[in-house]
Amino acid sequence: MCKVCHFFYFRSDGLSSREKTREVDAVIKEPLQLKGSSERLSGR
């Protein structure tokens, strides 16, 4: 079953547009940087 799911969803879920998929991948690979968030996390 896992191999079948992997086969169908490896490149795309078949429902989402490629543009939307690229946008989601960009957020996952390069998370959003919120203003002041790094200062609070580092204790500055």
Protein backbone atom coordinates (compact mmCIF):
# COMPACT_ATOMS: atom_id res chain seq x y z
CA MET A 1 0.00 0.00 0.00
CA CYS A 2 2.83 2.41 0.87
CA LYS A 3 4.47 1.86 -2.50
CA VAL A 4 1.19 2.58 -4.29
CA CYS A 5 0.68 5.83 -2.34
CA HIS A 6 4.28 6.83 -2.98
CA PHE A 7 3.81 6.18 -6.70
CA PHE A 8 0.74 8.44 -6.91
CA TYR A 9 1.92 11.22 -4.60
CA PHE A 10 5.67 11.26 -5.38
CA ARG A 11 5.51 14.27 -7.72
CA SER A 12 2.04 15.70 -7.09
CA ASP A 13 -1.14 14.91 -5.21
CA GLY A 14 -3.11 15.22 -8.44
CA LEU A 15 -5.35 17.96 -7.05
CA SER A 16 -3.09 20.90 -6.23
CA SER A 17 -1.68 23.09 -8.97
CA ARG A 18 2.06 22.99 -9.54
CA GLU A 19 2.25 26.70 -8.67
CA LYS A 20 0.70 26.13 -5.25
CA THR A 21 2.97 23.15 -4.65
CA ARG A 22 6.04 25.27 -5.43
CA GLU A 23 4.90 27.97 -3.00
CA VAL A 24 4.42 25.44 -0.20
CA ASP A 25 7.81 23.86 -0.92
CA ALA A 26 9.45 27.30 -0.77
CA VAL A 27 8.00 27.97 2.68
CA ILE A 28 9.10 24.56 3.92
CA LYS A 29 12.63 24.90 2.55
CA GLU A 30 13.02 28.59 3.47
CA PRO A 31 10.76 29.35 6.46
CA LEU A 32 9.29 32.83 6.83
CA GLN A 33 11.45 35.25 8.80
CA LEU A 34 9.30 37.33 11.12
CA LYS A 35 10.56 40.73 12.15
CA GLY A 36 12.13 40.55 15.62
CA SER A 37 11.66 36.79 15.99
CA SER A 38 15.39 35.99 15.88
CA GLU A 39 16.12 38.61 18.53
CA ARG A 40 13.64 37.07 20.97
CA LEU A 41 14.94 33.56 20.35
CA SER A 42 18.60 34.49 20.85
CA GLY A 43 17.91 36.53 23.99
CA ARG A 44 19.22 39.86 22.66
